[in-house]
Structure formats: structure tokens, C-alpha cells
PDB file of N, CA and C in Angstrom:
ATOM      1  N   MET A   1      55.126   8.856  88.168  1.00  0.00           N
ATOM      2  CA  MET A   1      55.700  10.110  88.905  1.00  0.00           C
ATOM      3  C   MET A   1      56.009  11.138  87.940  1.00  0.00           C
ATOM      4  N   LEU A   2      55.440  11.093  86.729  1.00  0.00           N
ATOM      5  CA  LEU A   2      55.708  12.309  85.858  1.00  0.00           C
ATOM      6  C   LEU A   2      55.191  13.623  86.458  1.00  0.00           C
ATOM      7  N   PRO A   3      55.728  14.638  86.392  1.00  0.00           N
ATOM      8  CA  PRO A   3      56.973  14.979  85.745  1.00  0.00           C
ATOM      9  C   PRO A   3      58.247  14.886  86.521  1.00  0.00           C
ATOM     10  N   SER A   4      58.131  14.479  87.766  1.00  0.00           N
ATOM     11  CA  SER A   4      59.257  14.353  88.603  1.00  0.00           C
ATOM     12  C   SER A   4      60.177  13.210  88.186  1.00  0.00           C
ATOM     13  N   LEU A   5      59.681  12.106  87.782  1.00  0.00           N
ATOM     14  CA  LEU A   5      60.416  10.969  87.292  1.00  0.00           C
ATOM     15  C   LEU A   5      59.839  10.541  85.939  1.00  0.00           C
ATOM     16  N   ASN A   6      60.654  10.163  85.031  1.00  0.00           N
ATOM     17  CA  ASN A   6      60.175   9.573  83.796  1.00  0.00           C
ATOM     18  C   ASN A   6      60.492   8.104  83.715  1.00  0.00           C
ATOM     19  N   SER A   7      59.758   7.374  82.916  1.00  0.00           N
ATOM     20  CA  SER A   7      60.007   5.965  82.685  1.00  0.00           C
ATOM     21  C   SER A   7      61.498   5.737  82.266  1.00  0.00           C
ATOM     22  N   GLY A   8      62.258   4.851  82.895  1.00  0.00           N
ATOM     23  CA  GLY A   8      63.570   4.602  82.650  1.00  0.00           C
ATOM     24  C   GLY A   8      64.592   5.478  83.455  1.00  0.00           C
ATOM     25  N   ASP A   9      64.165   6.403  84.195  1.00  0.00           N
ATOM     26  CA  ASP A   9      65.005   7.099  85.029  1.00  0.00           C
ATOM     27  C   ASP A   9      65.603   6.187  86.129  1.00  0.00           C
ATOM     28  N   PHE A  10      66.806   6.433  86.525  1.00  0.00           N
ATOM     29  CA  PHE A  10      67.477   5.551  87.555  1.00  0.00           C
ATOM     30  C   PHE A  10      67.282   6.242  88.944  1.00  0.00           C
ATOM     31  N   VAL A  11      66.759   5.568  89.870  1.00  0.00           N
ATOM     32  CA  VAL A  11      66.636   6.131  91.231  1.00  0.00           C
ATOM     33  C   VAL A  11      67.524   5.443  92.219  1.00  0.00           C
ATOM     34  N   PHE A  12      68.041   6.197  93.180  1.00  0.00           N
ATOM     35  CA  PHE A  12      68.693   5.723  94.309  1.00  0.00           C
ATOM     36  C   PHE A  12      67.820   5.746  95.533  1.00  0.00           C
ATOM     37  N   ALA A  13      67.558   4.626  96.098  1.00  0.00           N
ATOM     38  CA  ALA A  13      66.725   4.582  97.318  1.00  0.00           C
ATOM     39  C   ALA A  13      67.529   4.018  98.428  1.00  0.00           C
ATOM     40  N   ASN A  14      67.230   4.668  99.617  1.00  0.00           N
ATOM     41  CA  ASN A  14      67.852   4.223 100.870  1.00  0.00           C
ATOM     42  C   ASN A  14      66.961   3.081 101.456  1.00  0.00           C
ATOM     43  N   GLN A  15      67.501   1.948 101.728  1.00  0.00           N
ATOM     44  CA  GLN A  15      66.677   0.907 102.233  1.00  0.00           C
ATOM     45  C   GLN A  15      66.892   0.648 103.722  1.00  0.00           C
ATOM     46  N   PHE A  16      67.738   1.458 104.347  1.00  0.00           N
ATOM     47  CA  PHE A  16      68.086   1.266 105.706  1.00  0.00           C
ATOM     48  C   PHE A  16      68.034   2.613 106.482  1.00  0.00           C
ATOM     49  N   TYR A  17      67.418   2.443 107.630  1.00  0.00           N
ATOM     50  CA  TYR A  17      67.420   3.679 108.633  1.00  0.00           C
ATOM     51  C   TYR A  17      66.931   4.935 108.016  1.00  0.00           C
ATOM     52  N   PHE A  18      65.722   4.919 107.379  1.00  0.00           N
ATOM     53  CA  PHE A  18      65.133   6.078 106.963  1.00  0.00           C
ATOM     54  C   PHE A  18      63.870   6.490 107.667  1.00  0.00           C
ATOM     55  N   VAL A  19      63.589   7.654 107.744  1.00  0.00           N
ATOM     56  CA  VAL A  19      62.294   8.221 108.291  1.00  0.00           C
ATOM     57  C   VAL A  19      61.481   8.801 107.180  1.00  0.00           C
ATOM     58  N   VAL A  20      60.242   8.415 107.139  1.00  0.00           N
ATOM     59  CA  VAL A  20      59.405   8.787 106.080  1.00  0.00           C
ATOM     60  C   VAL A  20      58.565   9.941 106.500  1.00  0.00           C
ATOM     61  N   ARG A  21      58.525  11.064 105.717  1.00  0.00           N
ATOM     62  CA  ARG A  21      57.855  12.248 106.001  1.00  0.00           C
ATOM     63  C   ARG A  21      56.906  12.636 104.849  1.00  0.00           C
ATOM     64  N   VAL A  22      55.954  13.569 105.078  1.00  0.00           N
ATOM     65  CA  VAL A  22      55.145  14.139 103.928  1.00  0.00           C
ATOM     66  C   VAL A  22      56.027  14.669 102.919  1.00  0.00           C
ATOM     67  N   ASN A  23      55.723  14.455 101.555  1.00  0.00           N
ATOM     68  CA  ASN A  23      56.445  14.917 100.444  1.00  0.00           C
ATOM     69  C   ASN A  23      57.633  14.024 100.061  1.00  0.00           C
ATOM     70  N   ASP A  24      58.082  13.050 100.870  1.00  0.00           N
ATOM     71  CA  ASP A  24      59.137  12.178 100.418  1.00  0.00           C
ATOM     72  C   ASP A  24      58.531  11.334  99.381  1.00  0.00           C
ATOM     73  N   VAL A  25      59.596  10.884  98.524  1.00  0.00           N
ATOM     74  CA  VAL A  25      59.286   9.957  97.434  1.00  0.00           C
ATOM     75  C   VAL A  25      59.790   8.567  97.869  1.00  0.00           C
ATOM     76  N   VAL A  26      58.955   7.547  97.785  1.00  0.00           N
ATOM     77  CA  VAL A  26      59.274   6.181  98.330  1.00  0.00           C
ATOM     78  C   VAL A  26      59.025   5.137  97.276  1.00  0.00           C
ATOM     79  N   VAL A  27      59.624   4.043  97.461  1.00  0.00           N
ATOM     80  CA  VAL A  27      59.434   2.877  96.656  1.00  0.00           C
ATOM     81  C   VAL A  27      58.600   1.885  97.536  1.00  0.00           C
ATOM     82  N   VAL A  28      57.456   1.492  96.986  1.00  0.00           N
ATOM     83  CA  VAL A  28      56.440   0.686  97.749  1.00  0.00           C
ATOM     84  C   VAL A  28      56.185  -0.711  97.112  1.00  0.00           C
ATOM     85  N   ASN A  29      56.157  -1.676  97.767  1.00  0.00           N
ATOM     86  CA  ASN A  29      55.674  -3.019  97.281  1.00  0.00           C
ATOM     87  C   ASN A  29      54.217  -3.074  97.714  1.00  0.00           C
ATOM     88  N   HIS A  30      53.374  -2.751  96.749  1.00  0.00           N
ATOM     89  CA  HIS A  30      51.910  -2.724  96.930  1.00  0.00           C
ATOM     90  C   HIS A  30      51.364  -4.071  96.499  1.00  0.00           C
ATOM     91  N   PRO A  31      50.246  -4.539  97.257  1.00  0.00           N
ATOM     92  CA  PRO A  31      49.791  -5.896  96.849  1.00  0.00           C
ATOM     93  C   PRO A  31      49.119  -5.918  95.477  1.00  0.00           C
ATOM     94  N   ASN A  32      48.540  -4.805  95.143  1.00  0.00           N
ATOM     95  CA  ASN A  32      47.852  -4.751  93.749  1.00  0.00           C
ATOM     96  C   ASN A  32      48.747  -4.201  92.639  1.00  0.00           C
ATOM     97  N   TYR A  33      49.593  -3.243  92.974  1.00  0.00           N
ATOM     98  CA  TYR A  33      50.357  -2.483  92.048  1.00  0.00           C
ATOM     99  C   TYR A  33      51.847  -2.852  92.040  1.00  0.00           C
ATOM    100  N   HIS A  34      52.239  -3.767  92.892  1.00  0.00           N
ATOM    101  CA  HIS A  34      53.590  -4.306  92.916  1.00  0.00           C
ATOM    102  C   HIS A  34      54.574  -3.179  93.282  1.00  0.00           C
ATOM    103  N   HIS A  35      55.737  -3.116  92.678  1.00  0.00           N
ATOM    104  CA  HIS A  35      56.662  -2.073  93.012  1.00  0.00           C
ATOM    105  C   HIS A  35      56.246  -0.848  92.194  1.00  0.00           C
ATOM    106  N   ILE A  36      56.171   0.301  92.995  1.00  0.00           N
ATOM    107  CA  ILE A  36      55.650   1.494  92.451  1.00  0.00           C
ATOM    108  C   ILE A  36      56.317   2.653  93.246  1.00  0.00           C
ATOM    109  N   ILE A  37      56.546   3.704  92.589  1.00  0.00           N
ATOM    110  CA  ILE A  37      57.175   4.891  93.245  1.00  0.00           C
ATOM    111  C   ILE A  37      56.074   5.973  93.362  1.00  0.00           C
ATOM    112  N   LYS A  38      55.906   6.497  94.585  1.00  0.00           N
ATOM    113  CA  LYS A  38      54.909   7.380  94.912  1.00  0.00           C
ATOM    114  C   LYS A  38      55.320   8.435  95.927  1.00  0.00           C
ATOM    115  N   ARG A  39      54.673   9.534  96.050  1.00  0.00           N
ATOM    116  CA  ARG A  39      54.995  10.635  97.023  1.00  0.00           C
ATOM    117  C   ARG A  39      54.128  10.427  98.282  1.00  0.00           C
ATOM    118  N   VAL A  40      54.672  10.699  99.407  1.00  0.00           N
ATOM    119  CA  VAL A  40      53.819  10.592 100.631  1.00  0.00           C
ATOM    120  C   VAL A  40      52.992  11.820 100.852  1.00  0.00           C
ATOM    121  N   ALA A  41      51.719  11.582 100.916  1.00  0.00           N
ATOM    122  CA  ALA A  41      50.753  12.683 101.097  1.00  0.00           C
ATOM    123  C   ALA A  41      50.418  12.892 102.508  1.00  0.00           C
ATOM    124  N   ARG A  42      50.240  11.794 103.270  1.00  0.00           N
ATOM    125  CA  ARG A  42      49.907  11.855 104.707  1.00  0.00           C
ATOM    126  C   ARG A  42      50.554  10.832 105.410  1.00  0.00           C
ATOM    127  N   VAL A  43      50.864  11.096 106.716  1.00  0.00           N
ATOM    128  CA  VAL A  43      51.435  10.141 107.613  1.00  0.00           C
ATOM    129  C   VAL A  43      50.481  10.061 108.883  1.00  0.00           C
ATOM    130  N   CYS A  44      50.174   8.704 109.170  1.00  0.00           N
ATOM    131  CA  CYS A  44      49.243   8.555 110.342  1.00  0.00           C
ATOM    132  C   CYS A  44      49.870   7.445 111.146  1.00  0.00           C
ATOM    133  N   GLN A  45      50.192   7.591 112.384  1.00  0.00           N
ATOM    134  CA  GLN A  45      50.869   6.501 113.225  1.00  0.00           C
ATOM    135  C   GLN A  45      50.030   5.275 113.277  1.00  0.00           C
ATOM    136  N   ILE A  46      48.736   5.436 113.252  1.00  0.00           N
ATOM    137  CA  ILE A  46      47.764   4.292 113.354  1.00  0.00           C
ATOM    138  C   ILE A  46      47.577   3.570 112.027  1.00  0.00           C
ATOM    139  N   ARG A  47      47.325   4.359 111.039  1.00  0.00           N
ATOM    140  CA  ARG A  47      47.015   3.710 109.683  1.00  0.00           C
ATOM    141  C   ARG A  47      48.129   3.525 108.733  1.00  0.00           C
ATOM    142  N   GLY A  48      49.191   4.299 108.871  1.00  0.00           N
ATOM    143  CA  GLY A  48      50.332   4.164 108.019  1.00  0.00           C
ATOM    144  C   GLY A  48      50.496   5.396 107.134  1.00  0.00           C
ATOM    145  N   PHE A  49      50.685   5.148 105.818  1.00  0.00           N
ATOM    146  CA  PHE A  49      50.930   6.274 104.887  1.00  0.00           C
ATOM    147  C   PHE A  49      49.968   6.295 103.678  1.00  0.00           C
ATOM    148  N   LEU A  50      49.530   7.515 103.376  1.00  0.00           N
ATOM    149  CA  LEU A  50      48.604   7.769 102.235  1.00  0.00           C
ATOM    150  C   LEU A  50      49.548   8.319 101.129  1.00  0.00           C
ATOM    151  N   LEU A  51      49.623   7.671  99.941  1.00  0.00           N
ATOM    152  CA  LEU A  51      50.532   7.998  98.836  1.00  0.00           C
ATOM    153  C   LEU A  51      49.797   8.705  97.680  1.00  0.00           C
ATOM    154  N   CYS A  52      50.481   9.456  96.962  1.00  0.00           N
ATOM    155  CA  CYS A  52      49.947  10.068  95.728  1.00  0.00           C
ATOM    156  C   CYS A  52      51.051  10.142  94.710  1.00  0.00           C
ATOM    157  N   GLY A  53      50.545  10.395  93.445  1.00  0.00           N
ATOM    158  CA  GLY A  53      51.451  10.518  92.373  1.00  0.00           C
ATOM    159  C   GLY A  53      51.516  12.051  92.005  1.00  0.00           C
ATOM    160  N   ASP A  54      52.499  12.425  91.206  1.00  0.00           N
ATOM    161  CA  ASP A  54      52.656  13.704  90.721  1.00  0.00           C
ATOM    162  C   ASP A  54      51.940  14.073  89.471  1.00  0.00           C
ATOM    163  N   HIS A  55      51.424  13.078  88.775  1.00  0.00           N
ATOM    164  CA  HIS A  55      50.757  13.224  87.499  1.00  0.00           C
ATOM    165  C   HIS A  55      49.286  13.002  87.714  1.00  0.00           C
ATOM    166  N   GLU A  56      48.420  13.844  87.048  1.00  0.00           N
ATOM    167  CA  GLU A  56      47.029  13.740  87.196  1.00  0.00           C
ATOM    168  C   GLU A  56      46.448  12.390  86.827  1.00  0.00           C
ATOM    169  N   ASP A  57      47.140  11.586  86.036  1.00  0.00           N
ATOM    170  CA  ASP A  57      46.588  10.273  85.652  1.00  0.00           C
ATOM    171  C   ASP A  57      47.134   9.080  86.498  1.00  0.00           C
ATOM    172  N   SER A  58      47.933   9.451  87.473  1.00  0.00           N
ATOM    173  CA  SER A  58      48.503   8.361  88.337  1.00  0.00           C
ATOM    174  C   SER A  58      47.425   7.664  89.125  1.00  0.00           C
ATOM    175  N   VAL A  59      47.722   6.487  89.632  1.00  0.00           N
ATOM    176  CA  VAL A  59      46.812   5.776  90.598  1.00  0.00           C
ATOM    177  C   VAL A  59      46.473   6.649  91.757  1.00  0.00           C
ATOM    178  N   SER A  60      45.228   6.849  92.068  1.00  0.00           N
ATOM    179  CA  SER A  60      44.846   7.756  93.086  1.00  0.00           C
ATOM    180  C   SER A  60      45.109   7.111  94.510  1.00  0.00           C
ATOM    181  N   SER A  61      45.185   7.983  95.434  1.00  0.00           N
ATOM    182  CA  SER A  61      45.384   7.647  96.901  1.00  0.00           C
ATOM    183  C   SER A  61      44.225   6.747  97.285  1.00  0.00           C
ATOM    184  N   LYS A  62      42.969   7.073  96.809  1.00  0.00           N
ATOM    185  CA  LYS A  62      41.860   6.329  97.216  1.00  0.00           C
ATOM    186  C   LYS A  62      41.893   4.829  96.753  1.00  0.00           C
ATOM    187  N   LYS A  63      42.422   4.654  95.485  1.00  0.00           N
ATOM    188  CA  LYS A  63      42.566   3.289  94.897  1.00  0.00           C
ATOM    189  C   LYS A  63      43.622   2.584  95.640  1.00  0.00           C
ATOM    190  N   MET A  64      44.752   3.141  95.965  1.00  0.00           N
ATOM    191  CA  MET A  64      45.857   2.574  96.658  1.00  0.00           C
ATOM    192  C   MET A  64      45.620   2.236  98.095  1.00  0.00           C
ATOM    193  N   GLY A  65      44.869   3.129  98.756  1.00  0.00           N
ATOM    194  CA  GLY A  65      44.634   2.950 100.180  1.00  0.00           C
ATOM    195  C   GLY A  65      45.909   3.276 101.034  1.00  0.00           C
ATOM    196  N   TRP A  66      45.759   3.064 102.295  1.00  0.00           N
ATOM    197  CA  TRP A  66      46.869   3.316 103.176  1.00  0.00           C
ATOM    198  C   TRP A  66      47.855   2.117 103.068  1.00  0.00           C
ATOM    199  N   VAL A  67      49.097   2.479 103.095  1.00  0.00           N
ATOM    200  CA  VAL A  67      50.159   1.445 103.111  1.00  0.00           C
ATOM    201  C   VAL A  67      50.877   1.444 104.447  1.00  0.00           C
ATOM    202  N   THR A  68      51.423   0.386 104.797  1.00  0.00           N
ATOM    203  CA  THR A  68      52.193   0.273 106.142  1.00  0.00           C
ATOM    204  C   THR A  68      53.707   0.391 105.868  1.00  0.00           C
ATOM    205  N   GLN A  69      54.430   0.636 107.052  1.00  0.00           N
ATOM    206  CA  GLN A  69      55.835   0.812 106.976  1.00  0.00           C
ATOM    207  C   GLN A  69      56.512  -0.370 106.392  1.00  0.00           C
ATOM    208  N   PRO A  70      56.114  -1.690 106.628  1.00  0.00           N
ATOM    209  CA  PRO A  70      56.801  -2.770 105.958  1.00  0.00           C
ATOM    210  C   PRO A  70      56.700  -2.763 104.378  1.00  0.00           C
ATOM    211  N   GLN A  71      55.618  -2.153 103.940  1.00  0.00           N
ATOM    212  CA  GLN A  71      55.433  -2.136 102.444  1.00  0.00           C
ATOM    213  C   GLN A  71      56.408  -1.106 101.793  1.00  0.00           C
ATOM    214  N   ILE A  72      56.932  -0.184 102.523  1.00  0.00           N
ATOM    215  CA  ILE A  72      57.782   0.864 101.990  1.00  0.00           C
ATOM    216  C   ILE A  72      59.203   0.255 102.026  1.00  0.00           C
ATOM    217  N   GLU A  73      59.753   0.056 100.871  1.00  0.00           N
ATOM    218  CA  GLU A  73      61.066  -0.617 100.691  1.00  0.00           C
ATOM    219  C   GLU A  73      62.206   0.210 100.662  1.00  0.00           C
ATOM    220  N   GLY A  74      61.961   1.551 100.426  1.00  0.00           N
ATOM    221  CA  GLY A  74      63.038   2.570 100.435  1.00  0.00           C
ATOM    222  C   GLY A  74      62.555   3.881 100.245  1.00  0.00           C
ATOM    223  N   LYS A  75      63.451   4.919 100.552  1.00  0.00           N
ATOM    224  CA  LYS A  75      63.169   6.300 100.452  1.00  0.00           C
ATOM    225  C   LYS A  75      64.061   6.778  99.246  1.00  0.00           C
ATOM    226  N   VAL A  76      63.474   7.363  98.193  1.00  0.00           N
ATOM    227  CA  VAL A  76      64.243   7.803  97.038  1.00  0.00           C
ATOM    228  C   VAL A  76      65.022   9.060  97.582  1.00  0.00           C
ATOM    229  N   MET A  77      66.392   8.887  97.318  1.00  0.00           N
ATOM    230  CA  MET A  77      67.355   9.987  97.803  1.00  0.00           C
ATOM    231  C   MET A  77      67.599  10.924  96.512  1.00  0.00           C
ATOM    232  N   PHE A  78      67.807  10.368  95.392  1.00  0.00           N
ATOM    233  CA  PHE A  78      67.964  11.121  94.165  1.00  0.00           C
ATOM    234  C   PHE A  78      67.741  10.325  92.899  1.00  0.00           C
ATOM    235  N   SER A  79      67.665  10.966  91.836  1.00  0.00           N
ATOM    236  CA  SER A  79      67.467  10.205  90.569  1.00  0.00           C
ATOM    237  C   SER A  79      68.346  10.710  89.501  1.00  0.00           C
ATOM    238  N   ILE A  80      68.588   9.901  88.461  1.00  0.00           N
ATOM    239  CA  ILE A  80      69.269  10.331  87.251  1.00  0.00           C
ATOM    240  C   ILE A  80      68.338  10.136  86.103  1.00  0.00           C
ATOM    241  N   ARG A  81      68.163  11.216  85.274  1.00  0.00           N
ATOM    242  CA  ARG A  81      67.369  11.152  84.136  1.00  0.00           C
ATOM    243  C   ARG A  81      67.931  10.249  82.989  1.00  0.00           C
ATOM    244  N   LYS A  82      67.064   9.441  82.378  1.00  0.00           N
ATOM    245  CA  LYS A  82      67.482   8.723  81.212  1.00  0.00           C
ATOM    246  C   LYS A  82      67.671   9.635  80.033  1.00  0.00           C
ATOM    247  N   ARG A  83      68.625   9.466  79.305  1.00  0.00           N
ATOM    248  CA  ARG A  83      68.887  10.274  78.152  1.00  0.00           C
ATOM    249  C   ARG A  83      68.111   9.846  76.922  1.00  0.00           C
TER     250      ARG A  83
END
């Protein structure tokens, strides 16, 4: 999620009662990439969520595919930069 988040940054994610919208940053348990933090690019009630990264070298939306609501473990509320 560079430049928004750096390796080692501490994130606070809400795991309860959150609504996911486009541009939200979420923690996802992906079957191929395990726990990963991504930005929501698209929301579709039928297919789920299409995610993207902020860095040009991040895993592409095409490789990740659509994720479902149960795969989203939390919505990032704020972060603290590692010093």
C-alpha cells in the first residue's frame, strides 16, 4: 500500500459493524495472498469487492479477483507510521 502505508506501520481496523465503500482501505484474508491490505476499487452486490493497491508494483486487481464480504476482516480506520 505504498505510499499510503509502509511496511511496519501500525493500522487500526474495525472488525465490527462496518460498511465497505469505494476508496476504503480494508484488511483481507485472501486465499492466495493471505492477510493483505488493499483499497476498494469497485463494489458489486453480486460479485463482491474488487481491490487495488496504491503502488504501481502491487498485486493487480486482475490477479486478486473479486473478494467476498466474509474475506474482508476489517476496515482500516487509521494508521500510525513506523519511525
